[in-house]
């Protein structure tokens, strides 16, 4: 039985590694290290708690202790931040193969300015990269706008800015933590890049889309490439969607050239190269990584499992043929709700380690590459409200009017500039402006800004509950020197749901505190007997009784927040439940973008 160690075992990359190794699991013992009790980490067979990588010395000491105790045959990094620490300890553990760059080469992957320097020294294609004010200004003169400023170190589009004019460039040009690159092929997403920009007012969630090409390779123990894959997809930060495999000789040629140069410098293991396929046929990278990328699962689902190829090559196992690709494209990753027994979490947090019980079952025991039927068995059924309230796409203005007619709790809601004027006279510091029906941009605006925005049809405005906390996010947005590639506001909302019966009574009521980022759930914590639970439950019962005469039966969900007086007020209602933790569950669940979505 071979032993594999995965660092940052609670990360998305670690989850992808576990899924891609599904067929090899019978021959593997997988050990994970992580700083917190993230549910995905419990997909390992054994788990150890370690400090965060920010405490470099303590992290390395804890990592050494685990390596000495487990003596794994192979170790893989789950995050970019883990690579320097693994590289630093690799020489002390010759029995453990660590497919990663040596210490002297690791900064080439961690620092985009050094990536560019390596490319220049070896004659490799790479996006023009400026470091320092004079170089950045020269780049603006040579390439024009837009330009992209990004952290020298970082991943997931965090901290990346689109610079639209010289004034924005001047605000970042002399920041030694940033590099500046041209926005390669800004027409690549099928339209003028200006059309993708959001208004200056702070959005709840915002991400620029772009067409990205990636080549991922595996450099084997002897320095030769043992597997490679090219794909193209639309970035929808922080993930990608519409991923498809491509056969592109120009992309492969660049990937192999980089792999040869890096292998000669000592690199082994994963090599992820992101870039643009330009209109003139060139493939120009702008980032390189020494770990598996975010679309690893999508590639495996489409028939190219590079994780399995790496593990087999480094353990000396026979290589398996690629699985036949499924006849679908991958349109993104959907939400999966992950929970674990409380005693697992307590064991990990109190003892600093955990081992899977012999009778462990379920997806945490063997994360499946492709969702199995039982993965979706607990998913909540879709539902709809009465047609007069919008049906499956609730009409938020109709909901507000229904609430007024039936004296139900609901946030004041208006659908015109005149209505916003009443909020301005209150005065209310911040308003949320969103589509009246369906999905679309949600923005946090001052009343005067909201009055102008409401000139557009199909929008409603509501007071921003918890405005004090959101004001901090708005201040951060206003202070940004350029347009962020990725932005989301974090908040907490209260959610209550149940089932409306024929008599109008609501049963199976569940309530939870939902942590959100950009309106997307991150974690659900059952409220049980918390003081706010009674008000939420009573609101749901009143809403259920008012909907029963309209022939509504089945699921009903209210989502709301707390005003300055501490009252919980719904700001939306839906017939589609979130699937909140039941009263006898472990107490909460983490929501992660892990479930592949075929299209």
Protein backbone atom coordinates (compact mmCIF):
# COMPACT_ATOMS: atom_id res chain seq x y z
CA UNK A 1 0.00 0.00 0.00
CA UNK A 2 1.56 3.29 -1.12
CA UNK A 3 1.20 6.42 1.02
CA UNK A 4 0.40 9.85 -0.48
CA UNK A 5 0.60 13.12 1.47
CA UNK A 6 -1.49 16.12 0.36
CA UNK A 7 -0.89 19.55 1.86
CA UNK A 8 -3.77 22.02 2.34
CA UNK A 9 -6.10 19.03 2.20
CA UNK A 10 -9.17 21.26 2.56
CA UNK A 11 -8.47 23.22 -0.62
CA UNK A 12 -10.25 22.96 -3.96
CA UNK A 13 -7.06 21.60 -5.55
CA UNK A 14 -6.79 18.88 -2.90
CA UNK A 15 -10.42 17.93 -3.49
CA UNK A 16 -9.67 17.68 -7.22
CA UNK A 17 -6.68 15.42 -6.50
CA UNK A 18 -8.85 13.13 -4.36
CA UNK A 19 -11.54 12.93 -7.04
CA UNK A 20 -9.04 12.20 -9.80
CA UNK A 21 -7.52 9.37 -7.75
CA UNK A 22 -10.84 7.60 -7.25
CA UNK A 23 -9.81 4.53 -9.26
CA UNK A 24 -6.41 4.31 -7.53
CA UNK A 25 -7.70 4.63 -3.96
CA UNK A 26 -7.66 0.88 -3.17
CA UNK A 27 -3.85 0.97 -3.48
CA UNK A 28 -3.32 4.25 -1.62
CA UNK A 29 -3.33 5.52 1.93
CA UNK A 30 -3.87 9.27 1.72
CA UNK A 31 -2.62 11.51 4.51
CA UNK A 32 -3.63 15.16 4.62
CA UNK A 33 -2.45 18.20 6.54
CA UNK A 34 -4.63 21.27 7.01
CA UNK A 35 -4.93 24.17 9.43
CA UNK A 36 -8.72 23.95 9.94
CA UNK A 37 -11.41 21.26 9.98
CA UNK A 38 -12.55 21.82 6.39
CA UNK A 39 -14.97 19.05 5.33
CA UNK A 40 -13.09 18.23 2.11
CA UNK A 41 -9.96 17.41 4.14
CA UNK A 42 -11.79 14.46 5.71
CA UNK A 43 -11.73 12.73 2.33
CA UNK A 44 -8.22 11.65 3.38
CA UNK A 45 -7.58 8.51 5.41
CA UNK A 46 -5.61 10.36 8.08
CA UNK A 47 -5.49 14.05 8.82
CA UNK A 48 -3.12 16.25 10.83
CA UNK A 49 -3.57 19.82 11.96
CA UNK A 50 -0.71 22.20 11.09
CA UNK A 51 -0.23 25.98 11.43
CA UNK A 52 -0.96 28.21 8.46
CA UNK A 53 1.78 28.83 5.92
CA UNK A 54 1.94 32.44 7.17
CA UNK A 55 3.82 31.00 10.19
CA UNK A 56 6.54 29.61 7.95
CA UNK A 57 8.87 28.23 10.64
CA UNK A 58 6.05 26.62 12.62
CA UNK A 59 4.47 25.24 9.46
CA UNK A 60 7.73 23.66 8.32
CA UNK A 61 8.30 22.14 11.77
CA UNK A 62 4.81 20.60 11.78
CA UNK A 63 5.25 19.37 8.21
CA UNK A 64 8.56 17.73 9.12
CA UNK A 65 6.90 15.98 12.05
CA UNK A 66 4.18 14.51 9.82
CA UNK A 67 6.71 13.43 7.19
CA UNK A 68 8.84 11.70 9.83
CA UNK A 69 5.82 9.94 11.30
CA UNK A 70 4.15 8.83 8.04
CA UNK A 71 7.17 8.48 5.68
CA UNK A 72 4.91 8.89 2.62
CA UNK A 73 6.04 7.65 -0.77
CA UNK A 74 4.78 10.80 -2.50
CA UNK A 75 3.77 14.33 -1.47
CA UNK A 76 1.66 16.79 -3.50
CA UNK A 77 0.94 20.47 -2.87
CA UNK A 78 -2.66 21.62 -2.48
CA UNK A 79 -1.85 25.34 -2.73
CA UNK A 80 0.84 27.57 -4.22
CA UNK A 81 1.82 28.73 -0.73
CA UNK A 82 2.79 25.17 0.25
CA UNK A 83 5.38 24.73 -2.49
CA UNK A 84 8.28 26.74 -0.96
CA UNK A 85 7.92 24.92 2.37
CA UNK A 86 7.80 21.49 0.71
CA UNK A 87 10.81 22.40 -1.44
CA UNK A 88 12.73 23.52 1.66
CA UNK A 89 12.26 20.20 3.48
CA UNK A 90 12.50 17.86 0.47
CA UNK A 91 16.23 17.14 0.83
CA UNK A 92 15.68 15.89 4.40
CA UNK A 93 13.24 13.20 3.26
CA UNK A 94 14.83 11.29 0.36
CA UNK A 95 12.31 8.44 0.73
CA UNK A 96 9.45 10.78 -0.15
CA UNK A 97 9.16 11.82 -3.77
CA UNK A 98 8.11 15.46 -4.02
CA UNK A 99 7.21 16.48 -7.57
CA UNK A 100 7.92 20.20 -7.32
CA UNK A 101 10.63 22.74 -8.12
CA UNK A 102 13.85 22.85 -6.06
CA UNK A 103 14.18 25.74 -3.56
CA UNK A 104 16.14 27.93 -5.96
CA UNK A 105 13.54 27.55 -8.72
CA UNK A 106 10.39 27.83 -6.59
CA UNK A 107 10.39 31.68 -6.71
CA UNK A 108 10.06 31.51 -10.51
CA UNK A 109 6.58 30.05 -9.98
CA UNK A 110 5.68 32.17 -6.96
CA UNK A 111 6.69 35.56 -8.38
CA UNK A 112 5.32 36.68 -11.77
CA UNK A 113 8.19 39.13 -12.25
CA UNK A 114 10.62 36.22 -11.87
CA UNK A 115 8.50 34.12 -14.24
CA UNK A 116 8.98 36.85 -16.83
CA UNK A 117 12.71 37.01 -16.09
CA UNK A 118 13.06 33.24 -16.55
CA UNK A 119 11.21 33.49 -19.89
CA UNK A 120 13.50 36.27 -21.12
CA UNK A 121 16.67 34.37 -20.14
CA UNK A 122 15.51 31.20 -21.90
CA UNK A 123 13.86 32.77 -24.95
CA UNK A 124 10.38 31.56 -23.95
CA UNK A 125 7.14 33.33 -24.87
CA UNK A 126 5.57 35.28 -22.01
CA UNK A 127 3.41 38.37 -21.72
CA UNK A 128 5.38 41.64 -21.58
CA UNK A 129 5.74 42.41 -17.87
CA UNK A 130 6.63 45.72 -16.24
CA UNK A 131 7.90 46.18 -12.69
CA UNK A 132 8.30 49.74 -11.48
CA UNK A 133 6.83 53.08 -12.49
CA UNK A 134 9.03 53.89 -15.47
CA UNK A 135 8.57 50.44 -17.01
CA UNK A 136 4.80 50.58 -16.44
CA UNK A 137 4.51 53.99 -18.10
CA UNK A 138 6.58 52.77 -21.03
CA UNK A 139 4.22 49.80 -21.35
CA UNK A 140 1.24 52.13 -21.47
CA UNK A 141 2.87 54.07 -24.29
CA UNK A 142 3.72 50.89 -26.20
CA UNK A 143 0.48 48.94 -25.72
CA UNK A 144 -2.18 51.46 -24.73
CA UNK A 145 -5.08 50.66 -22.44
CA UNK A 146 -6.48 48.54 -20.91
CA UNK A 147 -3.59 47.16 -18.87
CA UNK A 148 -3.68 44.60 -16.09
CA UNK A 149 -2.00 45.07 -12.71
CA UNK A 150 -1.63 41.95 -10.59
CA UNK A 151 0.21 40.92 -7.43
CA UNK A 152 3.66 39.47 -8.06
CA UNK A 153 2.54 36.61 -5.82
CA UNK A 154 -1.03 35.41 -5.69
CA UNK A 155 -3.63 33.21 -7.33
CA UNK A 156 -7.33 32.99 -8.12
CA UNK A 157 -7.52 36.51 -9.62
CA UNK A 158 -7.28 38.00 -6.13
CA UNK A 159 -5.94 41.54 -6.22
CA UNK A 160 -5.95 41.76 -10.03
CA UNK A 161 -6.95 45.18 -11.40
CA UNK A 162 -7.97 46.34 -14.86
CA UNK A 163 -6.40 49.73 -15.52
CA UNK A 164 -8.49 51.80 -17.90
CA UNK A 165 -6.58 55.07 -18.07
CA UNK A 166 -3.31 56.74 -17.12
CA UNK A 167 -4.79 58.09 -13.88
CA UNK A 168 -5.41 54.52 -12.66
CA UNK A 169 -1.95 53.42 -13.79
CA UNK A 170 -0.31 56.23 -11.83
CA UNK A 171 -2.01 54.99 -8.65
CA UNK A 172 -0.26 51.60 -8.89
CA UNK A 173 2.80 52.17 -11.06
CA UNK A 174 5.29 52.51 -8.20
CA UNK A 175 3.86 49.71 -6.04
CA UNK A 176 6.68 47.15 -5.84
CA UNK A 177 4.18 44.41 -4.97
CA UNK A 178 2.53 44.63 -8.40
CA UNK A 179 3.50 43.91 -11.98
CA UNK A 180 1.74 45.36 -15.02
CA UNK A 181 0.93 43.44 -18.21
CA UNK A 182 -1.06 44.25 -21.36
CA UNK A 183 -4.60 42.91 -21.55
CA UNK A 184 -3.83 40.40 -24.29
CA UNK A 185 -6.56 40.12 -26.93
CA UNK A 186 -9.26 42.17 -25.17
CA UNK A 187 -11.68 41.30 -27.99
CA UNK A 188 -11.28 37.58 -27.27
CA UNK A 189 -14.58 37.25 -25.42
CA UNK A 190 -16.49 38.30 -28.51
CA UNK A 191 -17.06 42.00 -27.92
CA UNK A 192 -15.48 45.28 -26.92
CA UNK A 193 -13.88 45.00 -23.50
CA UNK A 194 -15.61 48.20 -22.42
CA UNK A 195 -18.95 46.40 -22.61
CA UNK A 196 -17.88 44.02 -19.84
CA UNK A 197 -17.26 46.77 -17.30
CA UNK A 198 -19.57 47.29 -14.36
CA UNK A 199 -20.61 50.77 -13.18
CA UNK A 200 -18.38 52.48 -10.64
CA UNK A 201 -20.90 51.94 -7.82
CA UNK A 202 -20.05 48.90 -5.71
CA UNK A 203 -21.54 45.64 -7.00
CA UNK A 204 -22.43 42.81 -4.67
CA UNK A 205 -20.50 40.45 -6.89
CA UNK A 206 -18.45 41.23 -9.96
CA UNK A 207 -16.04 39.38 -12.20
CA UNK A 208 -14.65 40.11 -15.64
CA UNK A 209 -14.93 37.28 -18.12
CA UNK A 210 -12.24 36.37 -20.59
CA UNK A 211 -11.25 33.56 -22.94
CA UNK A 212 -8.27 31.68 -21.51
CA UNK A 213 -6.17 28.87 -22.93
CA UNK A 214 -4.28 26.48 -20.64
CA UNK A 215 -1.72 23.77 -21.20
CA UNK A 216 -1.07 21.49 -18.24
CA UNK A 217 1.79 19.01 -18.25
CA UNK A 218 3.36 16.49 -15.90
CA UNK A 219 7.16 16.34 -15.80
CA UNK A 220 8.14 12.82 -14.73
CA UNK A 221 10.97 11.72 -12.43
CA UNK A 222 13.46 11.63 -15.34
CA UNK A 223 12.59 15.16 -16.50
CA UNK A 224 10.51 14.06 -19.48
CA UNK A 225 6.88 15.01 -20.00
CA UNK A 226 4.70 12.00 -19.21
CA UNK A 227 1.27 13.61 -19.80
CA UNK A 228 -0.16 16.83 -21.17
CA UNK A 229 -3.50 18.42 -21.93
CA UNK A 230 -4.70 21.62 -23.62
CA UNK A 231 -8.03 23.23 -22.90
CA UNK A 232 -9.85 26.46 -23.48
CA UNK A 233 -12.60 28.05 -21.46
CA UNK A 234 -14.26 31.25 -20.39
CA UNK A 235 -12.98 32.51 -17.07
CA UNK A 236 -15.77 33.51 -14.71
CA UNK A 237 -13.65 34.35 -11.66
CA UNK A 238 -12.73 32.65 -9.50
CA UNK A 239 -13.57 29.57 -11.59
CA UNK A 240 -13.84 28.75 -15.27
CA UNK A 241 -16.81 27.65 -17.29
CA UNK A 242 -17.45 26.17 -20.72
CA UNK A 243 -14.21 24.18 -20.56
CA UNK A 244 -13.35 22.13 -23.66
CA UNK A 245 -10.30 20.16 -24.66
CA UNK A 246 -8.41 21.41 -27.72
CA UNK A 247 -5.76 19.95 -30.01
CA UNK A 248 -3.53 22.91 -30.76
CA UNK A 249 0.04 22.40 -31.95
CA UNK A 250 1.07 26.00 -31.19
CA UNK A 251 -0.05 25.67 -27.56
CA UNK A 252 1.62 22.28 -27.15
CA UNK A 253 4.87 23.60 -28.60
CA UNK A 254 5.01 26.43 -26.07
CA UNK A 255 4.15 24.07 -23.21
CA UNK A 256 6.88 21.62 -24.14
CA UNK A 257 9.44 24.42 -24.48
CA UNK A 258 8.64 25.67 -20.99
CA UNK A 259 8.68 22.11 -19.60
CA UNK A 260 12.10 21.44 -21.13
CA UNK A 261 13.63 24.64 -19.74
CA UNK A 262 12.13 24.16 -16.28
CA UNK A 263 13.05 20.47 -16.15
CA UNK A 264 16.66 21.39 -16.99
CA UNK A 265 16.55 23.76 -14.00
CA UNK A 266 15.32 20.94 -11.74
CA UNK A 267 11.53 21.13 -11.87
CA UNK A 268 9.52 17.95 -11.59
CA UNK A 269 5.78 17.37 -11.32
CA UNK A 270 2.79 19.49 -12.42
CA UNK A 271 3.27 22.45 -14.72
CA UNK A 272 0.24 24.67 -15.35
CA UNK A 273 0.60 27.39 -17.99
CA UNK A 274 -2.19 29.93 -18.50
CA UNK A 275 -2.26 32.31 -21.42
CA UNK A 276 -3.97 33.64 -24.53
CA UNK A 277 -4.21 32.29 -28.05
CA UNK A 278 -3.91 35.52 -30.02
CA UNK A 279 -5.51 36.35 -33.33
CA UNK A 280 -2.14 36.01 -35.10
CA UNK A 281 -1.88 32.38 -33.95
CA UNK A 282 0.64 32.82 -31.14
CA UNK A 283 0.07 31.33 -27.67
CA UNK A 284 1.37 33.80 -25.07
CA UNK A 285 1.49 32.66 -21.42
CA UNK A 286 1.00 35.16 -18.62
CA UNK A 287 1.21 32.86 -15.56
CA UNK A 288 2.87 29.56 -14.70
CA UNK A 289 2.18 27.29 -11.74
CA UNK A 290 3.81 24.27 -10.14
CA UNK A 291 0.60 22.62 -8.97
CA UNK A 292 -2.52 21.25 -10.60
CA UNK A 293 -4.94 23.95 -11.73
CA UNK A 294 -8.57 24.68 -10.96
CA UNK A 295 -9.93 22.83 -13.99
CA UNK A 296 -8.17 19.55 -13.20
CA UNK A 297 -11.49 17.83 -12.49
CA UNK A 298 -13.01 19.14 -15.73
CA UNK A 299 -10.04 17.80 -17.71
CA UNK A 300 -10.37 14.40 -16.06
CA UNK A 301 -14.09 14.30 -16.80
CA UNK A 302 -13.32 15.11 -20.41
CA UNK A 303 -10.88 12.21 -20.61
CA UNK A 304 -7.47 13.60 -19.49
CA UNK A 305 -6.66 12.60 -15.89
CA UNK A 306 -3.23 14.14 -15.28
CA UNK A 307 -3.31 13.53 -11.53
CA UNK A 308 -3.57 9.80 -12.09
CA UNK A 309 -0.77 9.97 -14.66
CA UNK A 310 1.51 11.75 -12.19
CA UNK A 311 0.87 9.38 -9.29
CA UNK A 312 1.32 6.32 -11.50
CA UNK A 313 4.58 7.60 -12.99
CA UNK A 314 6.11 8.59 -9.66
CA UNK A 315 5.08 5.38 -7.89
CA UNK A 316 6.24 3.22 -10.79
CA UNK A 317 2.76 1.88 -11.44
CA UNK A 318 1.65 0.91 -14.95
CA UNK A 319 0.04 3.83 -16.72
CA UNK A 320 -3.65 3.38 -17.39
CA UNK A 321 -5.27 4.49 -20.63
CA UNK A 322 -7.34 7.64 -20.44
CA UNK A 323 -10.99 7.07 -19.77
CA UNK A 324 -13.32 7.64 -22.68
CA UNK A 325 -14.42 11.27 -22.42
CA UNK A 326 -18.03 11.80 -21.52
CA UNK A 327 -20.10 13.24 -24.37
CA UNK A 328 -20.52 16.61 -22.64
CA UNK A 329 -18.69 19.85 -22.14
CA UNK A 330 -18.12 21.16 -18.63
CA UNK A 331 -19.97 24.39 -18.04
CA UNK A 332 -18.59 25.03 -14.56
CA UNK A 333 -18.72 23.76 -11.02
CA UNK A 334 -21.92 23.78 -9.03
CA UNK A 335 -22.58 23.91 -5.32
CA UNK A 336 -22.01 20.88 -3.13
CA UNK A 337 -23.01 20.85 0.52
CA UNK A 338 -20.46 19.14 2.70
CA UNK A 339 -21.01 18.26 6.33
CA UNK A 340 -19.23 15.91 8.69
CA UNK A 341 -19.98 14.33 12.07
CA UNK A 342 -19.28 16.66 14.95
CA UNK A 343 -17.13 14.07 16.71
CA UNK A 344 -14.81 13.95 13.68
CA UNK A 345 -14.37 17.71 13.88
CA UNK A 346 -13.90 17.64 17.67
CA UNK A 347 -11.27 14.91 17.43
CA UNK A 348 -9.30 16.88 14.86
CA UNK A 349 -9.56 20.18 16.75
CA UNK A 350 -8.78 18.74 20.21
CA UNK A 351 -6.16 16.12 19.36
CA UNK A 352 -4.70 17.74 16.25
CA UNK A 353 -5.18 14.56 14.25
CA UNK A 354 -7.92 12.30 12.92
CA UNK A 355 -8.16 8.87 11.34
CA UNK A 356 -11.03 7.61 9.25
CA UNK A 357 -13.16 4.98 11.03
CA UNK A 358 -13.32 1.56 9.44
CA UNK A 359 -17.06 1.91 8.78
CA UNK A 360 -16.80 5.33 7.15
CA UNK A 361 -19.18 5.69 4.22
CA UNK A 362 -20.39 8.38 1.88
CA UNK A 363 -18.67 10.84 -0.44
CA UNK A 364 -16.24 12.07 2.23
CA UNK A 365 -14.85 8.56 2.33
CA UNK A 366 -14.32 8.25 -1.41
CA UNK A 367 -14.85 11.54 -3.27
CA UNK A 368 -16.18 10.55 -6.67
CA UNK A 369 -14.90 12.21 -9.82
CA UNK A 370 -18.34 12.33 -11.38
CA UNK A 371 -21.33 12.94 -9.06
CA UNK A 372 -23.01 9.70 -8.11
CA UNK A 373 -26.73 9.34 -7.67
CA UNK A 374 -26.38 9.36 -3.89
CA UNK A 375 -24.48 12.66 -4.04
CA UNK A 376 -27.63 14.31 -5.27
CA UNK A 377 -30.05 12.26 -3.19
CA UNK A 378 -30.27 14.94 -0.51
CA UNK A 379 -30.67 17.82 -2.92
CA UNK A 380 -33.76 19.89 -2.29
CA UNK A 381 -36.46 19.73 -4.96
CA UNK A 382 -37.10 22.78 -7.11
CA UNK A 383 -40.31 24.64 -6.49
CA UNK A 384 -42.26 27.71 -7.51
CA UNK A 385 -44.44 30.34 -5.87
CA UNK A 386 -47.91 31.18 -7.23
CA UNK A 387 -47.83 32.76 -10.70
CA UNK A 388 -49.05 36.09 -9.30
CA UNK A 389 -45.80 36.28 -7.30
CA UNK A 390 -43.55 35.34 -10.20
CA UNK A 391 -43.63 31.54 -10.09
CA UNK A 392 -40.18 29.94 -10.26
CA UNK A 393 -38.55 33.39 -10.65
CA UNK A 394 -40.13 35.37 -7.79
CA UNK A 395 -41.14 38.97 -8.51
CA UNK A 396 -39.63 40.93 -5.63
CA UNK A 397 -42.01 43.86 -6.04
CA UNK A 398 -45.01 41.54 -6.09
CA UNK A 399 -43.70 39.90 -2.92
CA UNK A 400 -43.45 43.28 -1.21
CA UNK A 401 -47.02 44.18 -2.20
CA UNK A 402 -48.26 40.79 -1.00
CA UNK A 403 -46.52 41.42 2.32
CA UNK A 404 -48.21 44.81 2.72
CA UNK A 405 -51.68 43.38 1.93
CA UNK A 406 -51.30 40.59 4.47
CA UNK A 407 -49.32 42.51 7.10
CA UNK A 408 -46.33 40.22 6.70
CA UNK A 409 -42.75 41.06 7.64
CA UNK A 410 -40.75 42.17 4.58
CA UNK A 411 -38.14 44.80 3.79
CA UNK A 412 -39.64 48.01 2.29
CA UNK A 413 -39.28 47.71 -1.49
CA UNK A 414 -39.72 50.29 -4.25
CA UNK A 415 -39.49 50.15 -8.04
CA UNK A 416 -39.17 53.81 -9.11
CA UNK A 417 -36.98 56.89 -8.55
CA UNK A 418 -39.89 58.46 -6.65
CA UNK A 419 -39.92 55.51 -4.29
CA UNK A 420 -36.19 55.84 -3.69
CA UNK A 421 -36.75 59.52 -2.85
CA UNK A 422 -38.76 58.42 0.20
CA UNK A 423 -35.77 56.37 1.33
CA UNK A 424 -33.49 59.39 0.83
CA UNK A 425 -35.73 61.48 3.06
CA UNK A 426 -35.63 58.85 5.84
CA UNK A 427 -32.56 59.00 5.54
CA UNK A 428 -31.17 55.55 4.83
CA UNK A 429 -27.39 55.41 4.27
CA UNK A 430 -27.23 52.62 1.70
CA UNK A 431 -29.65 50.85 -0.63
CA UNK A 432 -29.48 47.55 -2.47
CA UNK A 433 -30.54 47.81 -6.12
CA UNK A 434 -31.26 44.50 -7.87
CA UNK A 435 -33.39 43.07 -10.69
CA UNK A 436 -37.08 42.91 -9.92
CA UNK A 437 -37.11 39.32 -11.13
CA UNK A 438 -34.42 36.73 -11.82
CA UNK A 439 -30.66 36.98 -11.56
CA UNK A 440 -28.54 39.95 -12.49
CA UNK A 441 -26.16 42.55 -11.06
CA UNK A 442 -26.82 43.57 -7.45
CA UNK A 443 -25.30 46.89 -6.35
CA UNK A 444 -24.87 48.75 -3.08
CA UNK A 445 -25.69 52.44 -3.65
CA UNK A 446 -26.22 55.67 -1.80
CA UNK A 447 -29.81 57.00 -2.22
CA UNK A 448 -28.79 59.64 -4.81
CA UNK A 449 -26.97 57.00 -6.86
CA UNK A 450 -29.96 54.67 -6.54
CA UNK A 451 -32.34 57.33 -7.87
CA UNK A 452 -30.33 57.54 -11.07
CA UNK A 453 -30.02 53.76 -11.35
CA UNK A 454 -33.78 53.30 -10.99
CA UNK A 455 -34.36 55.14 -14.25
CA UNK A 456 -33.73 51.71 -15.79
CA UNK A 457 -36.83 49.51 -15.93
CA UNK A 458 -36.96 46.16 -14.17
CA UNK A 459 -35.11 47.14 -10.99
CA UNK A 460 -36.14 47.39 -7.35
CA UNK A 461 -34.45 49.04 -4.38
CA UNK A 462 -34.42 47.94 -0.76
CA UNK A 463 -32.69 49.30 2.35
CA UNK A 464 -29.34 47.63 2.98
CA UNK A 465 -29.83 45.82 6.27
CA UNK A 466 -26.62 45.69 8.26
CA UNK A 467 -25.47 48.82 6.45
CA UNK A 468 -22.66 49.54 8.92
CA UNK A 469 -20.81 46.36 7.98
CA UNK A 470 -21.47 46.89 4.28
CA UNK A 471 -20.22 50.47 4.47
CA UNK A 472 -16.74 49.09 5.14
CA UNK A 473 -16.90 47.01 1.96
CA UNK A 474 -18.12 50.06 0.03
CA UNK A 475 -15.19 52.10 1.34
CA UNK A 476 -12.75 49.39 0.22
CA UNK A 477 -14.34 49.39 -3.24
CA UNK A 478 -14.08 53.18 -3.51
CA UNK A 479 -10.39 53.03 -2.54
CA UNK A 480 -9.42 50.57 -5.28
CA UNK A 481 -7.03 52.14 -7.81
CA UNK A 482 -8.62 50.32 -10.75
CA UNK A 483 -11.46 47.98 -11.66
CA UNK A 484 -11.00 44.65 -9.82
CA UNK A 485 -11.01 41.52 -11.94
CA UNK A 486 -12.89 39.80 -9.13
CA UNK A 487 -14.91 41.37 -6.35
CA UNK A 488 -17.47 40.15 -3.86
CA UNK A 489 -18.99 41.54 -0.68
CA UNK A 490 -19.29 39.20 2.31
CA UNK A 491 -22.34 39.22 4.54
CA UNK A 492 -24.52 37.03 6.75
CA UNK A 493 -28.20 36.37 6.22
CA UNK A 494 -30.81 34.38 8.05
CA UNK A 495 -32.64 31.69 6.09
CA UNK A 496 -35.72 29.76 7.18
CA UNK A 497 -37.57 27.13 5.16
CA UNK A 498 -40.24 24.48 5.47
CA UNK A 499 -43.15 22.84 3.65
CA UNK A 500 -46.61 24.38 3.30
CA UNK A 501 -49.43 21.87 3.68
CA UNK A 502 -52.98 21.93 2.36
CA UNK A 503 -54.21 23.50 5.60
CA UNK A 504 -51.71 26.35 5.30
CA UNK A 505 -49.61 25.04 8.18
CA UNK A 506 -45.84 24.96 7.69
CA UNK A 507 -44.01 21.85 8.84
CA UNK A 508 -40.41 20.63 8.92
CA UNK A 509 -39.17 24.15 9.67
CA UNK A 510 -35.40 24.65 9.57
CA UNK A 511 -33.45 27.84 10.06
CA UNK A 512 -29.81 28.68 9.61
CA UNK A 513 -27.30 31.50 9.51
CA UNK A 514 -25.86 31.61 6.02
CA UNK A 515 -22.42 33.10 5.37
CA UNK A 516 -22.31 34.49 1.85
CA UNK A 517 -19.76 35.93 -0.52
CA UNK A 518 -21.19 37.84 -3.44
CA UNK A 519 -24.57 36.29 -2.71
CA UNK A 520 -23.20 32.73 -2.98
CA UNK A 521 -23.52 30.58 0.17
CA UNK A 522 -20.26 29.54 1.80
CA UNK A 523 -21.44 27.94 5.02
CA UNK A 524 -24.75 27.16 6.71
CA UNK A 525 -24.96 27.07 10.51
CA UNK A 526 -28.10 25.67 12.12
CA UNK A 527 -29.67 28.20 14.51
CA UNK A 528 -31.56 25.77 16.75
CA UNK A 529 -32.91 27.71 19.73
CA UNK A 530 -31.10 30.98 19.05
CA UNK A 531 -33.24 34.05 19.97
CA UNK A 532 -33.63 35.10 16.33
CA UNK A 533 -34.98 31.66 15.43
CA UNK A 534 -38.46 32.35 16.91
CA UNK A 535 -39.01 35.46 14.79
CA UNK A 536 -37.87 33.68 11.65
CA UNK A 537 -40.13 30.70 12.34
CA UNK A 538 -43.15 32.92 13.00
CA UNK A 539 -42.50 34.85 9.78
CA UNK A 540 -42.42 31.62 7.78
CA UNK A 541 -45.67 30.42 9.33
CA UNK A 542 -47.42 33.71 8.54
CA UNK A 543 -46.16 33.67 4.96
CA UNK A 544 -47.26 30.03 4.57
CA UNK A 545 -50.77 30.84 5.82
CA UNK A 546 -51.03 33.74 3.33
CA UNK A 547 -49.92 31.61 0.39
CA UNK A 548 -52.15 28.60 1.06
CA UNK A 549 -55.29 30.36 -0.32
CA UNK A 550 -53.28 30.95 -3.52
CA UNK A 551 -52.90 27.15 -3.76
CA UNK A 552 -49.22 27.16 -2.87
CA UNK A 553 -48.13 23.80 -1.52
CA UNK A 554 -44.69 22.46 -0.83
CA UNK A 555 -41.39 24.23 -0.17
CA UNK A 556 -41.21 27.83 1.02
CA UNK A 557 -38.04 29.72 1.87
CA UNK A 558 -37.51 33.20 3.30
CA UNK A 559 -34.15 34.96 3.25
CA UNK A 560 -33.55 38.09 5.27
CA UNK A 561 -31.31 40.04 7.58
CA UNK A 562 -31.41 42.13 10.74
CA UNK A 563 -32.11 45.86 10.81
CA UNK A 564 -30.55 48.41 13.17
CA UNK A 565 -33.18 47.57 15.81
CA UNK A 566 -32.34 43.88 15.70
CA UNK A 567 -35.51 42.79 13.86
CA UNK A 568 -35.19 40.04 11.27
CA UNK A 569 -36.87 41.07 8.00
CA UNK A 570 -37.11 38.94 4.85
CA UNK A 571 -35.98 40.55 1.61
CA UNK A 572 -36.87 37.60 -0.65
CA UNK A 573 -39.12 34.55 -0.76
CA UNK A 574 -38.83 31.46 -2.91
CA UNK A 575 -40.39 28.09 -3.53
CA UNK A 576 -36.93 26.52 -3.94
CA UNK A 577 -35.32 25.55 -0.62
CA UNK A 578 -31.60 25.65 0.07
CA UNK A 579 -31.66 22.30 1.84
CA UNK A 580 -30.80 23.61 5.31
CA UNK A 581 -29.36 21.26 7.94
CA UNK A 582 -32.07 19.35 9.77
CA UNK A 583 -32.41 19.43 13.55
CA UNK A 584 -30.64 16.09 13.95
CA UNK A 585 -27.73 16.95 11.62
CA UNK A 586 -24.16 17.73 12.60
CA UNK A 587 -25.02 21.40 13.14
CA UNK A 588 -23.78 23.00 9.95
CA UNK A 589 -22.32 22.47 6.55
CA UNK A 590 -19.81 24.01 4.23
CA UNK A 591 -20.89 24.96 0.73
CA UNK A 592 -18.20 24.59 -1.91
CA UNK A 593 -18.09 24.89 -5.69
CA UNK A 594 -17.19 21.25 -6.23
CA UNK A 595 -19.89 19.56 -8.27
CA UNK A 596 -19.08 19.44 -12.03
CA UNK A 597 -21.90 20.77 -14.18
CA UNK A 598 -22.21 19.07 -17.58
CA UNK A 599 -23.80 21.02 -20.38
